[in-house]
Every structure is written in C-alpha cells, then in structure tokens.
Amino acid sequence: MKNIAVILAGGSGSRLGNDIPKQFLKVAGKQIIEHSIDVFEHCAEINEICIVCRPDYISHVEELVIKNQYQKVKKILHGGKERYDSTLAAIHAYTDDDTNLLFHDAVRPLVNERIIHDCIEALKHYNAVDVAAKTTDTIISVDANECIDFIPNRAFLRNSQTPQCFKRSVIRRAYELALADPNFVTTDDCGTVRRYLPNEPIYVVAGENTNVKLTYPEDLFLLETLFQLRRR
C-alpha cells in the first residue's frame, strides 16, 4: 500500500492580518511549510509527497522543492477557494484506490514521525483515521441567548488535528456523495466521511499538544518556543 502525504497549503492566512499566506511565514529559520514537508520527507514510511497550494504560489513552492532537494515531492497542485477543493485536487491526481492519502495542514509544522507511523499502522485496520489530542479545557455549549445549555463530559472530547488519513477509495466516495448534496458544508475531511459514510468507522490516533496549528499571531511565538525546546 503506497503512502502519500498531501500537504494542504492553500490557505490565505487572513486571520493573521498578513499579506503573506501563513504557511510561507518564517519560524525557527525556515518557512513553516518547509518544516512540515521536512517531516514527511524524512519519514521512511512515506513514499510520496503531494503539495496543494494557491495558484499564485506554485512557482514559489517549486523553488522550495529545488532548494531543499526534496526527493519525495512528485506533484504540486492548484488548490481552490474552499479547503475541500484542495482535498479534491489530490483525490483526482491519483487513480489507484489501493493508496493511503494522508492529508496534513501545512501550518502544523511540529507533526512528528510517531504520529505518522501510528496513522499508517491504523490504516491497516481502518479506512479512515483522524488524529486528535485530549481536550484540557471544559467545553460548553450555549443557546441562542449565549447561556450555557450543555456541558459535555470532557473525558470523551478531543481536539482534532492532522494528518487525517484515508484509503483513497473511501475519501473519494465520501466526496462523490457530498458534492451531490446541495446542502453540503464541511470544515474537514473526517467530517465529510462521517456524514456521508456513517457506517465507516473513523479511528482516532493520539495526537500531541505540540502539534499545533498556526492560526493567530500569538501562535507564531508559541511555535518558535516549541522549536527551541525541541532542539534542546
């Protein structure tokens, strides 16, 4: 079974208030996307890397691949307006259903080989795999008046991360059904599988609190600190 890492780098980074998409900002001496690619490039279980990015950054990514001499990067694809457009670009770029696709946010540069290994092992028994870390905060649900109406048991709550991993046949079928639904709305690929293939179990691999996603300006300082700690 071929393991293909799909680096999703199509975001705009608007919440950072920066003209440069957040995946191309620098932290710990490299652009964030470089850190993410590095992990999969050096993971022996990954056979190939596919990068999906904004059309206006294709040449920039090509330069990064050449500069770093990435051997596993075989495809650089155009993303789309929505996140799922990037997923679809990768699904359509391959034809062999006997393939594992590991979708990873480019802005999670501290993913590690343990997480990747556990995902690949889980794909030997499941067709869909998520990564998530235990929630440390109490989560509340509020009503229309912004009053608490429910407090779920924290023991069963997780913060979803990436990679999210699938047999190509399963994620392809889920999106075929999703795109036929005029009310289709999604924020992640596991959500699409759960909604449109409800009988398909989604196994959850243990994530790590350091596998953080760059979303807000303060996250840049957090990432810099975590990289320094890792080096020590």
C-alpha atoms as a PDB file:
ATOM      1  CA  MET A   1       0.000   0.000   0.000  1.00  0.00           C
ATOM      2  CA  LYS A   2       1.513   3.301  -1.116  1.00  0.00           C
ATOM      3  CA  ASN A   3       1.512   6.085   1.488  1.00  0.00           C
ATOM      4  CA  ILE A   4       1.149   9.569   0.020  1.00  0.00           C
ATOM      5  CA  ALA A   5       1.368  12.668   2.192  1.00  0.00           C
ATOM      6  CA  VAL A   6      -0.776  15.520   0.902  1.00  0.00           C
ATOM      7  CA  ILE A   7       0.412  18.872   2.271  1.00  0.00           C
ATOM      8  CA  LEU A   8      -2.501  21.310   2.226  1.00  0.00           C
ATOM      9  CA  ALA A   9      -1.058  24.780   1.707  1.00  0.00           C
ATOM     10  CA  GLY A  10      -3.885  26.681   0.070  1.00  0.00           C
ATOM     11  CA  GLY A  11      -4.861  28.940   2.976  1.00  0.00           C
ATOM     12  CA  SER A  12      -4.680  32.724   2.873  1.00  0.00           C
ATOM     13  CA  GLY A  13      -3.793  33.421   6.489  1.00  0.00           C
ATOM     14  CA  SER A  14      -6.270  36.291   6.708  1.00  0.00           C
ATOM     15  CA  ARG A  15      -6.718  35.899  10.461  1.00  0.00           C
ATOM     16  CA  LEU A  16      -3.045  36.745  10.927  1.00  0.00           C
ATOM     17  CA  GLY A  17      -3.563  40.055   9.169  1.00  0.00           C
ATOM     18  CA  ASN A  18      -0.561  39.396   6.942  1.00  0.00           C
ATOM     19  CA  ASP A  19      -0.167  39.789   3.186  1.00  0.00           C
ATOM     20  CA  ILE A  20       1.897  36.591   3.045  1.00  0.00           C
ATOM     21  CA  PRO A  21      -0.055  33.334   3.447  1.00  0.00           C
ATOM     22  CA  LYS A  22       0.748  31.943   6.881  1.00  0.00           C
ATOM     23  CA  GLN A  23       2.319  28.729   5.554  1.00  0.00           C
ATOM     24  CA  PHE A  24       5.084  30.843   3.988  1.00  0.00           C
ATOM     25  CA  LEU A  25       5.940  32.833   7.102  1.00  0.00           C
ATOM     26  CA  LYS A  26       9.250  32.058   8.753  1.00  0.00           C
ATOM     27  CA  VAL A  27       9.718  30.421  12.130  1.00  0.00           C
ATOM     28  CA  ALA A  28      12.869  28.798  13.520  1.00  0.00           C
ATOM     29  CA  GLY A  29      14.864  29.777  10.427  1.00  0.00           C
ATOM     30  CA  LYS A  30      12.568  28.235   7.798  1.00  0.00           C
ATOM     31  CA  GLN A  31       9.235  28.834   6.173  1.00  0.00           C
ATOM     32  CA  ILE A  32       6.529  26.934   8.011  1.00  0.00           C
ATOM     33  CA  ILE A  33       5.686  24.792   5.005  1.00  0.00           C
ATOM     34  CA  GLU A  34       9.332  23.671   4.818  1.00  0.00           C
ATOM     35  CA  HIS A  35       9.198  22.331   8.362  1.00  0.00           C
ATOM     36  CA  SER A  36       6.047  20.370   7.503  1.00  0.00           C
ATOM     37  CA  ILE A  37       7.493  18.924   4.304  1.00  0.00           C
ATOM     38  CA  ASP A  38      10.722  18.016   6.125  1.00  0.00           C
ATOM     39  CA  VAL A  39       8.923  15.651   8.499  1.00  0.00           C
ATOM     40  CA  PHE A  40       7.281  13.651   5.712  1.00  0.00           C
ATOM     41  CA  GLU A  41      10.392  13.769   3.510  1.00  0.00           C
ATOM     42  CA  HIS A  42      12.428  12.106   6.242  1.00  0.00           C
ATOM     43  CA  CYS A  43       9.758   9.589   7.284  1.00  0.00           C
ATOM     44  CA  ALA A  44      10.703   6.205   5.816  1.00  0.00           C
ATOM     45  CA  GLU A  45       7.072   5.048   5.625  1.00  0.00           C
ATOM     46  CA  ILE A  46       6.052   7.892   3.294  1.00  0.00           C
ATOM     47  CA  ASN A  47       6.505   7.016  -0.367  1.00  0.00           C
ATOM     48  CA  GLU A  48       5.478  10.279  -1.979  1.00  0.00           C
ATOM     49  CA  ILE A  49       4.534  13.872  -1.168  1.00  0.00           C
ATOM     50  CA  CYS A  50       1.936  15.969  -2.955  1.00  0.00           C
ATOM     51  CA  ILE A  51       1.628  19.691  -2.200  1.00  0.00           C
ATOM     52  CA  VAL A  52      -1.595  21.590  -2.869  1.00  0.00           C
ATOM     53  CA  CYS A  53      -1.247  25.367  -2.834  1.00  0.00           C
ATOM     54  CA  ARG A  54      -2.599  28.616  -4.218  1.00  0.00           C
ATOM     55  CA  PRO A  55      -2.008  29.038  -7.965  1.00  0.00           C
ATOM     56  CA  ASP A  56      -0.023  32.244  -7.398  1.00  0.00           C
ATOM     57  CA  TYR A  57       2.423  30.369  -5.142  1.00  0.00           C
ATOM     58  CA  ILE A  58       3.091  27.356  -7.380  1.00  0.00           C
ATOM     59  CA  SER A  59       6.420  28.739  -8.614  1.00  0.00           C
ATOM     60  CA  HIS A  60       7.417  29.630  -5.061  1.00  0.00           C
ATOM     61  CA  VAL A  61       6.788  26.070  -3.887  1.00  0.00           C
ATOM     62  CA  GLU A  62       8.711  24.720  -6.877  1.00  0.00           C
ATOM     63  CA  GLU A  63      11.685  26.852  -5.809  1.00  0.00           C
ATOM     64  CA  LEU A  64      11.454  25.493  -2.255  1.00  0.00           C
ATOM     65  CA  VAL A  65      11.462  21.919  -3.550  1.00  0.00           C
ATOM     66  CA  ILE A  66      14.558  22.585  -5.642  1.00  0.00           C
ATOM     67  CA  LYS A  67      16.342  24.480  -2.870  1.00  0.00           C
ATOM     68  CA  ASN A  68      15.751  21.728  -0.280  1.00  0.00           C
ATOM     69  CA  GLN A  69      16.305  18.899  -2.775  1.00  0.00           C
ATOM     70  CA  TYR A  70      13.110  17.162  -1.710  1.00  0.00           C
ATOM     71  CA  GLN A  71      13.124  13.747  -3.352  1.00  0.00           C
ATOM     72  CA  LYS A  72       9.608  12.648  -2.426  1.00  0.00           C
ATOM     73  CA  VAL A  73       7.683  15.655  -3.752  1.00  0.00           C
ATOM     74  CA  LYS A  74       6.179  14.399  -7.006  1.00  0.00           C
ATOM     75  CA  LYS A  75       3.164  16.651  -7.513  1.00  0.00           C
ATOM     76  CA  ILE A  76       2.403  20.339  -6.879  1.00  0.00           C
ATOM     77  CA  LEU A  77      -1.280  21.037  -7.462  1.00  0.00           C
ATOM     78  CA  HIS A  78      -3.557  24.068  -7.607  1.00  0.00           C
ATOM     79  CA  GLY A  79      -5.845  24.435  -4.626  1.00  0.00           C
ATOM     80  CA  GLY A  80      -9.249  26.092  -4.685  1.00  0.00           C
ATOM     81  CA  LYS A  81     -11.407  28.567  -2.824  1.00  0.00           C
ATOM     82  CA  GLU A  82     -12.523  26.076  -0.163  1.00  0.00           C
ATOM     83  CA  ARG A  83     -10.429  23.659   1.851  1.00  0.00           C
ATOM     84  CA  TYR A  84     -12.184  20.679   0.336  1.00  0.00           C
ATOM     85  CA  ASP A  85     -11.142  21.893  -3.123  1.00  0.00           C
ATOM     86  CA  SER A  86      -7.559  21.092  -2.135  1.00  0.00           C
ATOM     87  CA  THR A  87      -8.599  17.638  -0.933  1.00  0.00           C
ATOM     88  CA  LEU A  88     -10.406  17.011  -4.214  1.00  0.00           C
ATOM     89  CA  ALA A  89      -7.376  18.127  -6.224  1.00  0.00           C
ATOM     90  CA  ALA A  90      -5.306  15.426  -4.526  1.00  0.00           C
ATOM     91  CA  ILE A  91      -8.003  12.762  -4.848  1.00  0.00           C
ATOM     92  CA  HIS A  92      -8.263  13.414  -8.582  1.00  0.00           C
ATOM     93  CA  ALA A  93      -4.481  13.487  -9.044  1.00  0.00           C
ATOM     94  CA  TYR A  94      -4.273   9.768  -8.273  1.00  0.00           C
ATOM     95  CA  THR A  95      -6.097   6.831  -9.814  1.00  0.00           C
ATOM     96  CA  ASP A  96      -5.109   3.843  -7.663  1.00  0.00           C
ATOM     97  CA  ASP A  97      -7.674   3.207  -4.932  1.00  0.00           C
ATOM     98  CA  ASP A  98      -5.144   0.975  -3.152  1.00  0.00           C
ATOM     99  CA  THR A  99      -3.421   4.112  -1.891  1.00  0.00           C
ATOM    100  CA  ASN A 100      -3.306   5.758   1.514  1.00  0.00           C
ATOM    101  CA  LEU A 101      -3.737   9.534   1.396  1.00  0.00           C
ATOM    102  CA  LEU A 102      -2.538  11.416   4.491  1.00  0.00           C
ATOM    103  CA  PHE A 103      -3.882  14.980   4.422  1.00  0.00           C
ATOM    104  CA  HIS A 104      -1.834  17.357   6.562  1.00  0.00           C
ATOM    105  CA  ASP A 105      -2.166  21.083   7.214  1.00  0.00           C
ATOM    106  CA  ALA A 106       0.999  22.850   6.085  1.00  0.00           C
ATOM    107  CA  VAL A 107       0.621  25.118   9.112  1.00  0.00           C
ATOM    108  CA  ARG A 108       1.121  22.240  11.589  1.00  0.00           C
ATOM    109  CA  PRO A 109       4.927  22.114  11.301  1.00  0.00           C
ATOM    110  CA  LEU A 110       5.514  20.152  14.520  1.00  0.00           C
ATOM    111  CA  VAL A 111       3.859  16.914  13.465  1.00  0.00           C
ATOM    112  CA  ASN A 112       6.236  14.036  14.173  1.00  0.00           C
ATOM    113  CA  GLU A 113       7.101  10.590  12.877  1.00  0.00           C
ATOM    114  CA  ARG A 114       5.384   8.836  15.799  1.00  0.00           C
ATOM    115  CA  ILE A 115       2.034  10.317  14.782  1.00  0.00           C
ATOM    116  CA  ILE A 116       2.616   9.474  11.113  1.00  0.00           C
ATOM    117  CA  HIS A 117       3.651   5.903  11.968  1.00  0.00           C
ATOM    118  CA  ASP A 118       0.582   5.367  14.151  1.00  0.00           C
ATOM    119  CA  CYS A 119      -1.667   6.662  11.356  1.00  0.00           C
ATOM    120  CA  ILE A 120      -0.162   4.270   8.818  1.00  0.00           C
ATOM    121  CA  GLU A 121      -0.479   1.362  11.242  1.00  0.00           C
ATOM    122  CA  ALA A 122      -4.121   2.270  11.891  1.00  0.00           C
ATOM    123  CA  LEU A 123      -4.811   2.305   8.137  1.00  0.00           C
ATOM    124  CA  LYS A 124      -4.004  -1.404   8.095  1.00  0.00           C
ATOM    125  CA  HIS A 125      -7.218  -1.972  10.041  1.00  0.00           C
ATOM    126  CA  TYR A 126      -9.392   1.067   9.239  1.00  0.00           C
ATOM    127  CA  ASN A 127     -10.229   3.004   6.087  1.00  0.00           C
ATOM    128  CA  ALA A 128     -10.392   6.390   7.815  1.00  0.00           C
ATOM    129  CA  VAL A 129      -8.131   7.744  10.559  1.00  0.00           C
ATOM    130  CA  ASP A 130      -8.088  11.029  12.447  1.00  0.00           C
ATOM    131  CA  VAL A 131      -5.504  12.482  14.845  1.00  0.00           C
ATOM    132  CA  ALA A 132      -6.697  14.189  17.998  1.00  0.00           C
ATOM    133  CA  ALA A 133      -5.416  15.278  21.397  1.00  0.00           C
ATOM    134  CA  LYS A 134      -7.351  15.142  24.645  1.00  0.00           C
ATOM    135  CA  THR A 135      -9.197  18.339  25.448  1.00  0.00           C
ATOM    136  CA  THR A 136      -7.796  20.039  28.536  1.00  0.00           C
ATOM    137  CA  ASP A 137     -10.419  22.774  28.840  1.00  0.00           C
ATOM    138  CA  THR A 138     -14.023  22.318  29.844  1.00  0.00           C
ATOM    139  CA  ILE A 139     -16.155  22.710  26.720  1.00  0.00           C
ATOM    140  CA  ILE A 140     -19.565  24.359  26.967  1.00  0.00           C
ATOM    141  CA  SER A 141     -22.474  24.567  24.565  1.00  0.00           C
ATOM    142  CA  VAL A 142     -24.530  27.759  24.572  1.00  0.00           C
ATOM    143  CA  ASP A 143     -28.029  28.586  23.387  1.00  0.00           C
ATOM    144  CA  ALA A 144     -29.229  31.484  21.237  1.00  0.00           C
ATOM    145  CA  ASN A 145     -29.075  33.783  24.269  1.00  0.00           C
ATOM    146  CA  GLU A 146     -25.410  32.923  24.949  1.00  0.00           C
ATOM    147  CA  CYS A 147     -26.352  30.975  28.082  1.00  0.00           C
ATOM    148  CA  ILE A 148     -24.917  27.537  28.873  1.00  0.00           C
ATOM    149  CA  ASP A 149     -27.292  24.773  27.857  1.00  0.00           C
ATOM    150  CA  PHE A 150     -24.931  21.769  27.964  1.00  0.00           C
ATOM    151  CA  ILE A 151     -21.535  20.782  29.352  1.00  0.00           C
ATOM    152  CA  PRO A 152     -20.285  17.541  27.745  1.00  0.00           C
ATOM    153  CA  ASN A 153     -18.079  15.089  29.597  1.00  0.00           C
ATOM    154  CA  ARG A 154     -14.506  16.200  28.915  1.00  0.00           C
ATOM    155  CA  ALA A 155     -13.228  12.602  29.118  1.00  0.00           C
ATOM    156  CA  PHE A 156     -14.732  11.899  25.700  1.00  0.00           C
ATOM    157  CA  LEU A 157     -13.698  15.141  23.992  1.00  0.00           C
ATOM    158  CA  ARG A 158     -10.719  15.574  21.694  1.00  0.00           C
ATOM    159  CA  ASN A 159      -9.195  18.421  19.686  1.00  0.00           C
ATOM    160  CA  SER A 160      -8.906  17.225  16.116  1.00  0.00           C
ATOM    161  CA  GLN A 161      -5.540  17.698  14.396  1.00  0.00           C
ATOM    162  CA  THR A 162      -3.934  16.435  11.204  1.00  0.00           C
ATOM    163  CA  PRO A 163      -2.963  14.338   9.358  1.00  0.00           C
ATOM    164  CA  GLN A 164      -6.385  12.945   8.502  1.00  0.00           C
ATOM    165  CA  CYS A 165      -5.829   9.726   6.607  1.00  0.00           C
ATOM    166  CA  PHE A 166      -7.899   7.588   4.269  1.00  0.00           C
ATOM    167  CA  LYS A 167      -7.926   4.842   1.735  1.00  0.00           C
ATOM    168  CA  ARG A 168      -8.394   6.787  -1.496  1.00  0.00           C
ATOM    169  CA  SER A 169     -11.499   4.770  -2.374  1.00  0.00           C
ATOM    170  CA  VAL A 170     -13.227   5.856   0.833  1.00  0.00           C
ATOM    171  CA  ILE A 171     -12.476   9.576   0.741  1.00  0.00           C
ATOM    172  CA  ARG A 172     -13.287   9.620  -2.988  1.00  0.00           C
ATOM    173  CA  ARG A 173     -16.702   8.023  -2.385  1.00  0.00           C
ATOM    174  CA  ALA A 174     -17.473  10.350   0.526  1.00  0.00           C
ATOM    175  CA  TYR A 175     -16.897  13.411  -1.642  1.00  0.00           C
ATOM    176  CA  GLU A 176     -18.875  11.970  -4.538  1.00  0.00           C
ATOM    177  CA  LEU A 177     -21.876  11.802  -2.204  1.00  0.00           C
ATOM    178  CA  ALA A 178     -21.093  15.176  -0.624  1.00  0.00           C
ATOM    179  CA  LEU A 179     -20.903  17.032  -3.925  1.00  0.00           C
ATOM    180  CA  ALA A 180     -24.283  15.630  -4.913  1.00  0.00           C
ATOM    181  CA  ASP A 181     -25.791  17.207  -1.791  1.00  0.00           C
ATOM    182  CA  PRO A 182     -26.896  20.839  -2.369  1.00  0.00           C
ATOM    183  CA  ASN A 183     -26.615  21.465   1.385  1.00  0.00           C
ATOM    184  CA  PHE A 184     -23.028  20.213   1.628  1.00  0.00           C
ATOM    185  CA  VAL A 185     -20.938  22.145   4.164  1.00  0.00           C
ATOM    186  CA  THR A 186     -17.754  20.887   5.770  1.00  0.00           C
ATOM    187  CA  THR A 187     -14.637  22.056   7.568  1.00  0.00           C
ATOM    188  CA  ASP A 188     -12.599  18.857   7.434  1.00  0.00           C
ATOM    189  CA  ASP A 189     -12.348  15.546   5.626  1.00  0.00           C
ATOM    190  CA  CYS A 190     -13.239  13.278   8.555  1.00  0.00           C
ATOM    191  CA  GLY A 191     -16.444  15.266   8.942  1.00  0.00           C
ATOM    192  CA  THR A 192     -17.286  14.532   5.316  1.00  0.00           C
ATOM    193  CA  VAL A 193     -16.696  10.805   5.752  1.00  0.00           C
ATOM    194  CA  ARG A 194     -18.721  10.699   8.965  1.00  0.00           C
ATOM    195  CA  ARG A 195     -21.679  12.492   7.382  1.00  0.00           C
ATOM    196  CA  TYR A 196     -21.836  10.695   4.058  1.00  0.00           C
ATOM    197  CA  LEU A 197     -20.434   7.283   5.020  1.00  0.00           C
ATOM    198  CA  PRO A 198     -21.895   6.939   8.538  1.00  0.00           C
ATOM    199  CA  ASN A 199     -21.171   3.212   8.717  1.00  0.00           C
ATOM    200  CA  GLU A 200     -17.441   3.765   8.104  1.00  0.00           C
ATOM    201  CA  PRO A 201     -15.630   3.842  11.466  1.00  0.00           C
ATOM    202  CA  ILE A 202     -13.045   6.598  11.893  1.00  0.00           C
ATOM    203  CA  TYR A 203     -10.238   5.535  14.199  1.00  0.00           C
ATOM    204  CA  VAL A 204      -8.560   8.223  16.300  1.00  0.00           C
ATOM    205  CA  VAL A 205      -4.782   8.201  16.734  1.00  0.00           C
ATOM    206  CA  ALA A 206      -3.424  10.045  19.760  1.00  0.00           C
ATOM    207  CA  GLY A 207      -2.148  13.454  18.789  1.00  0.00           C
ATOM    208  CA  GLU A 208       0.106  15.732  20.799  1.00  0.00           C
ATOM    209  CA  ASN A 209      -0.379  19.173  22.299  1.00  0.00           C
ATOM    210  CA  THR A 210       2.715  20.340  20.399  1.00  0.00           C
ATOM    211  CA  ASN A 211       1.084  19.507  17.041  1.00  0.00           C
ATOM    212  CA  VAL A 212      -0.410  22.997  16.998  1.00  0.00           C
ATOM    213  CA  LYS A 213      -1.871  24.861  14.039  1.00  0.00           C
ATOM    214  CA  LEU A 214      -0.783  28.378  13.182  1.00  0.00           C
ATOM    215  CA  THR A 215      -3.974  30.437  13.215  1.00  0.00           C
ATOM    216  CA  TYR A 216      -3.404  33.650  15.174  1.00  0.00           C
ATOM    217  CA  PRO A 217      -0.374  35.973  15.541  1.00  0.00           C
ATOM    218  CA  GLU A 218       0.411  34.692  19.041  1.00  0.00           C
ATOM    219  CA  ASP A 219       0.782  31.180  17.601  1.00  0.00           C
ATOM    220  CA  LEU A 220       3.991  32.302  15.870  1.00  0.00           C
ATOM    221  CA  PHE A 221       5.621  32.911  19.250  1.00  0.00           C
ATOM    222  CA  LEU A 222       4.356  29.562  20.517  1.00  0.00           C
ATOM    223  CA  LEU A 223       5.793  27.724  17.510  1.00  0.00           C
ATOM    224  CA  GLU A 224       9.145  29.478  17.878  1.00  0.00           C
ATOM    225  CA  THR A 225       9.306  28.428  21.530  1.00  0.00           C
ATOM    226  CA  LEU A 226       8.342  24.827  20.766  1.00  0.00           C
ATOM    227  CA  PHE A 227      11.029  24.561  18.077  1.00  0.00           C
ATOM    228  CA  GLN A 228      13.613  25.889  20.543  1.00  0.00           C
ATOM    229  CA  LEU A 229      12.536  23.336  23.136  1.00  0.00           C
ATOM    230  CA  ARG A 230      12.735  20.522  20.580  1.00  0.00           C
ATOM    231  CA  ARG A 231      16.307  21.500  19.663  1.00  0.00           C
ATOM    232  CA  ARG A 232      17.343  21.426  23.310  1.00  0.00           C
END
